[in-house]
Amino acid sequence: MSTDSDSPGVGEGFLRMAQALGLDVSDEERAQDLARRVGLMREGLARLYEIDVSGAESPSAFVPSLHQEPSAGTGRG
């Protein structure tokens, strides 16, 4: 296995975390692929954090009714 200084993103800490999560890092190729995929996800998430939404209004939240009106034809009697 590589160390933190050998391969960026595929250090011992990364591998331990991946193994603890049940991910297969049984060989160097799988570990490199996992690190690449995680890196891509982090880049995508970083872009989301950069979006300025300070001027946007939040949409109204949908709050379903606590009671339902009876349907037509289902009256009592």
N, C-alpha and C. Protein backbone atom coordinates (compact mmCIF):
# COMPACT_ATOMS: atom_id res chain seq x y z
N MET A 1 0.85 -1.20 0.00
CA MET A 1 0.00 0.00 0.00
C MET A 1 0.88 1.24 0.00
N SER A 2 0.36 2.29 -0.56
CA SER A 2 1.13 3.53 -0.61
C SER A 2 0.93 4.34 0.66
N THR A 3 1.77 5.31 0.83
CA THR A 3 1.66 6.20 1.98
C THR A 3 1.17 7.55 1.51
N ASP A 4 0.88 8.43 2.46
CA ASP A 4 0.36 9.76 2.11
C ASP A 4 1.32 10.51 1.20
N SER A 5 2.63 10.31 1.37
CA SER A 5 3.59 11.05 0.56
C SER A 5 3.81 10.42 -0.81
N ASP A 6 3.48 9.12 -1.00
CA ASP A 6 3.69 8.45 -2.27
C ASP A 6 2.69 8.88 -3.33
N SER A 7 1.41 8.87 -3.01
CA SER A 7 0.35 9.17 -3.97
C SER A 7 -0.65 10.12 -3.35
N PRO A 8 -0.82 11.30 -3.94
CA PRO A 8 -1.81 12.20 -3.36
C PRO A 8 -3.20 11.60 -3.40
N GLY A 9 -3.92 11.61 -2.29
CA GLY A 9 -5.28 11.12 -2.25
C GLY A 9 -5.40 9.64 -1.98
N VAL A 10 -4.32 8.86 -2.05
CA VAL A 10 -4.39 7.44 -1.80
C VAL A 10 -3.42 7.09 -0.67
N GLY A 11 -3.47 7.85 0.37
CA GLY A 11 -2.63 7.58 1.53
C GLY A 11 -3.25 6.54 2.44
N GLU A 12 -2.53 6.18 3.47
CA GLU A 12 -3.01 5.18 4.42
C GLU A 12 -4.33 5.60 5.05
N GLY A 13 -4.47 6.86 5.40
CA GLY A 13 -5.72 7.34 5.99
C GLY A 13 -6.90 7.17 5.06
N PHE A 14 -6.69 7.51 3.79
CA PHE A 14 -7.74 7.36 2.78
C PHE A 14 -8.13 5.89 2.64
N LEU A 15 -7.12 5.02 2.57
CA LEU A 15 -7.39 3.59 2.41
C LEU A 15 -8.11 3.01 3.63
N ARG A 16 -7.71 3.42 4.83
CA ARG A 16 -8.39 2.94 6.04
C ARG A 16 -9.85 3.38 6.06
N MET A 17 -10.09 4.62 5.68
CA MET A 17 -11.46 5.11 5.65
C MET A 17 -12.28 4.34 4.61
N ALA A 18 -11.72 4.12 3.44
CA ALA A 18 -12.42 3.39 2.39
C ALA A 18 -12.74 1.97 2.85
N GLN A 19 -11.79 1.32 3.48
CA GLN A 19 -12.02 -0.03 3.98
C GLN A 19 -13.08 -0.04 5.07
N ALA A 20 -13.06 0.95 5.95
CA ALA A 20 -14.06 1.03 7.01
C ALA A 20 -15.46 1.21 6.44
N LEU A 21 -15.56 1.84 5.29
CA LEU A 21 -16.84 2.04 4.62
C LEU A 21 -17.25 0.83 3.78
N GLY A 22 -16.41 -0.19 3.75
CA GLY A 22 -16.74 -1.39 3.01
C GLY A 22 -16.38 -1.34 1.54
N LEU A 23 -15.55 -0.38 1.14
CA LEU A 23 -15.15 -0.27 -0.27
C LEU A 23 -13.97 -1.18 -0.55
N ASP A 24 -13.91 -1.70 -1.77
CA ASP A 24 -12.85 -2.62 -2.15
C ASP A 24 -11.62 -1.84 -2.60
N VAL A 25 -10.59 -1.88 -1.82
CA VAL A 25 -9.31 -1.26 -2.18
C VAL A 25 -8.22 -2.32 -2.09
N SER A 26 -8.54 -3.50 -2.62
CA SER A 26 -7.66 -4.66 -2.47
C SER A 26 -6.37 -4.56 -3.29
N ASP A 27 -6.34 -3.74 -4.30
CA ASP A 27 -5.10 -3.56 -5.05
C ASP A 27 -4.91 -2.09 -5.40
N GLU A 28 -3.71 -1.77 -5.83
CA GLU A 28 -3.34 -0.37 -6.10
C GLU A 28 -4.21 0.25 -7.19
N GLU A 29 -4.55 -0.53 -8.22
CA GLU A 29 -5.36 0.01 -9.32
C GLU A 29 -6.75 0.42 -8.82
N ARG A 30 -7.37 -0.43 -7.99
CA ARG A 30 -8.68 -0.09 -7.43
C ARG A 30 -8.58 1.13 -6.52
N ALA A 31 -7.53 1.20 -5.73
CA ALA A 31 -7.35 2.35 -4.83
C ALA A 31 -7.16 3.63 -5.62
N GLN A 32 -6.37 3.57 -6.69
CA GLN A 32 -6.17 4.76 -7.53
C GLN A 32 -7.47 5.20 -8.19
N ASP A 33 -8.25 4.23 -8.68
CA ASP A 33 -9.53 4.55 -9.31
C ASP A 33 -10.49 5.18 -8.31
N LEU A 34 -10.54 4.62 -7.11
CA LEU A 34 -11.40 5.18 -6.07
C LEU A 34 -10.98 6.60 -5.73
N ALA A 35 -9.68 6.81 -5.57
CA ALA A 35 -9.19 8.15 -5.25
C ALA A 35 -9.53 9.14 -6.37
N ARG A 36 -9.42 8.70 -7.62
CA ARG A 36 -9.75 9.57 -8.75
C ARG A 36 -11.23 9.95 -8.71
N ARG A 37 -12.09 8.95 -8.46
CA ARG A 37 -13.54 9.21 -8.42
C ARG A 37 -13.91 10.14 -7.26
N VAL A 38 -13.30 9.91 -6.11
CA VAL A 38 -13.57 10.78 -4.96
C VAL A 38 -13.10 12.20 -5.25
N GLY A 39 -11.95 12.33 -5.90
CA GLY A 39 -11.46 13.65 -6.27
C GLY A 39 -12.41 14.38 -7.20
N LEU A 40 -12.96 13.66 -8.18
CA LEU A 40 -13.93 14.27 -9.10
C LEU A 40 -15.19 14.71 -8.38
N MET A 41 -15.65 13.89 -7.43
CA MET A 41 -16.84 14.27 -6.66
C MET A 41 -16.56 15.51 -5.82
N ARG A 42 -15.38 15.56 -5.22
CA ARG A 42 -15.03 16.74 -4.40
C ARG A 42 -14.98 18.00 -5.24
N GLU A 43 -14.43 17.89 -6.46
CA GLU A 43 -14.39 19.05 -7.35
C GLU A 43 -15.80 19.52 -7.70
N GLY A 44 -16.69 18.58 -7.98
CA GLY A 44 -18.07 18.93 -8.30
C GLY A 44 -18.77 19.58 -7.13
N LEU A 45 -18.56 19.05 -5.94
CA LEU A 45 -19.17 19.64 -4.75
C LEU A 45 -18.60 21.02 -4.46
N ALA A 46 -17.31 21.21 -4.70
CA ALA A 46 -16.70 22.52 -4.47
C ALA A 46 -17.35 23.57 -5.36
N ARG A 47 -17.68 23.19 -6.60
CA ARG A 47 -18.35 24.13 -7.50
C ARG A 47 -19.72 24.53 -6.97
N LEU A 48 -20.42 23.59 -6.35
CA LEU A 48 -21.73 23.91 -5.79
C LEU A 48 -21.61 24.92 -4.65
N TYR A 49 -20.57 24.77 -3.83
CA TYR A 49 -20.37 25.70 -2.72
C TYR A 49 -20.01 27.10 -3.20
N GLU A 50 -19.48 27.21 -4.42
CA GLU A 50 -19.09 28.51 -4.96
C GLU A 50 -20.26 29.30 -5.53
N ILE A 51 -21.41 28.67 -5.72
CA ILE A 51 -22.56 29.35 -6.30
C ILE A 51 -23.12 30.36 -5.30
N ASP A 52 -23.25 31.59 -5.76
CA ASP A 52 -23.79 32.66 -4.90
C ASP A 52 -25.31 32.68 -5.02
N VAL A 53 -25.99 32.31 -3.98
CA VAL A 53 -27.45 32.31 -3.97
C VAL A 53 -27.99 33.35 -2.99
N SER A 54 -27.15 34.31 -2.63
CA SER A 54 -27.57 35.29 -1.63
C SER A 54 -28.74 36.14 -2.11
N GLY A 55 -28.88 36.36 -3.41
CA GLY A 55 -29.97 37.18 -3.91
C GLY A 55 -31.21 36.39 -4.30
N ALA A 56 -31.14 35.09 -4.17
CA ALA A 56 -32.27 34.25 -4.57
C ALA A 56 -33.24 34.07 -3.41
N GLU A 57 -34.51 34.07 -3.74
CA GLU A 57 -35.52 33.81 -2.72
C GLU A 57 -35.76 32.31 -2.63
N SER A 58 -35.96 31.83 -1.43
CA SER A 58 -36.24 30.40 -1.29
C SER A 58 -37.66 30.12 -1.75
N PRO A 59 -37.88 28.99 -2.40
CA PRO A 59 -39.22 28.66 -2.87
C PRO A 59 -40.13 28.31 -1.70
N SER A 60 -41.41 28.48 -1.91
CA SER A 60 -42.36 28.11 -0.88
C SER A 60 -42.29 26.61 -0.66
N ALA A 61 -42.30 26.22 0.56
CA ALA A 61 -42.28 24.79 0.87
C ALA A 61 -43.68 24.23 0.72
N PHE A 62 -43.78 23.02 0.20
CA PHE A 62 -45.07 22.36 0.07
C PHE A 62 -45.42 21.75 1.41
N VAL A 63 -46.55 22.13 1.95
CA VAL A 63 -47.02 21.57 3.22
C VAL A 63 -48.36 20.91 2.94
N PRO A 64 -48.37 19.58 2.91
CA PRO A 64 -49.64 18.90 2.62
C PRO A 64 -50.65 19.14 3.72
N SER A 65 -51.89 19.08 3.34
CA SER A 65 -52.98 19.27 4.30
C SER A 65 -52.96 18.14 5.33
N LEU A 66 -53.30 18.46 6.55
CA LEU A 66 -53.33 17.45 7.60
C LEU A 66 -54.57 16.59 7.53
N HIS A 67 -55.59 17.07 6.83
CA HIS A 67 -56.80 16.27 6.66
C HIS A 67 -57.18 16.28 5.19
N GLN A 68 -57.90 15.26 4.78
CA GLN A 68 -58.32 15.19 3.40
C GLN A 68 -59.82 15.37 3.32
N GLU A 69 -60.23 16.07 2.30
CA GLU A 69 -61.66 16.24 2.04
C GLU A 69 -62.20 14.92 1.51
N PRO A 70 -63.42 14.52 1.89
CA PRO A 70 -63.98 13.30 1.34
C PRO A 70 -64.19 13.42 -0.16
N SER A 71 -63.95 12.35 -0.87
CA SER A 71 -64.13 12.33 -2.33
C SER A 71 -65.62 12.32 -2.64
N ALA A 72 -65.97 12.82 -3.82
CA ALA A 72 -67.37 12.82 -4.25
C ALA A 72 -67.87 11.38 -4.34
N GLY A 73 -69.05 11.12 -3.88
CA GLY A 73 -69.66 9.81 -3.97
C GLY A 73 -69.29 8.88 -2.83
N THR A 74 -68.54 9.40 -1.86
CA THR A 74 -68.18 8.54 -0.74
C THR A 74 -68.84 9.03 0.54
N GLY A 75 -70.00 9.64 0.39
CA GLY A 75 -70.71 10.15 1.56
C GLY A 75 -71.23 9.06 2.45
N ARG A 76 -71.57 9.44 3.63
CA ARG A 76 -72.12 8.45 4.57
C ARG A 76 -73.61 8.28 4.36
N GLY A 77 -74.09 7.09 4.57
CA GLY A 77 -75.52 6.92 4.56
C GLY A 77 -76.08 5.95 3.64
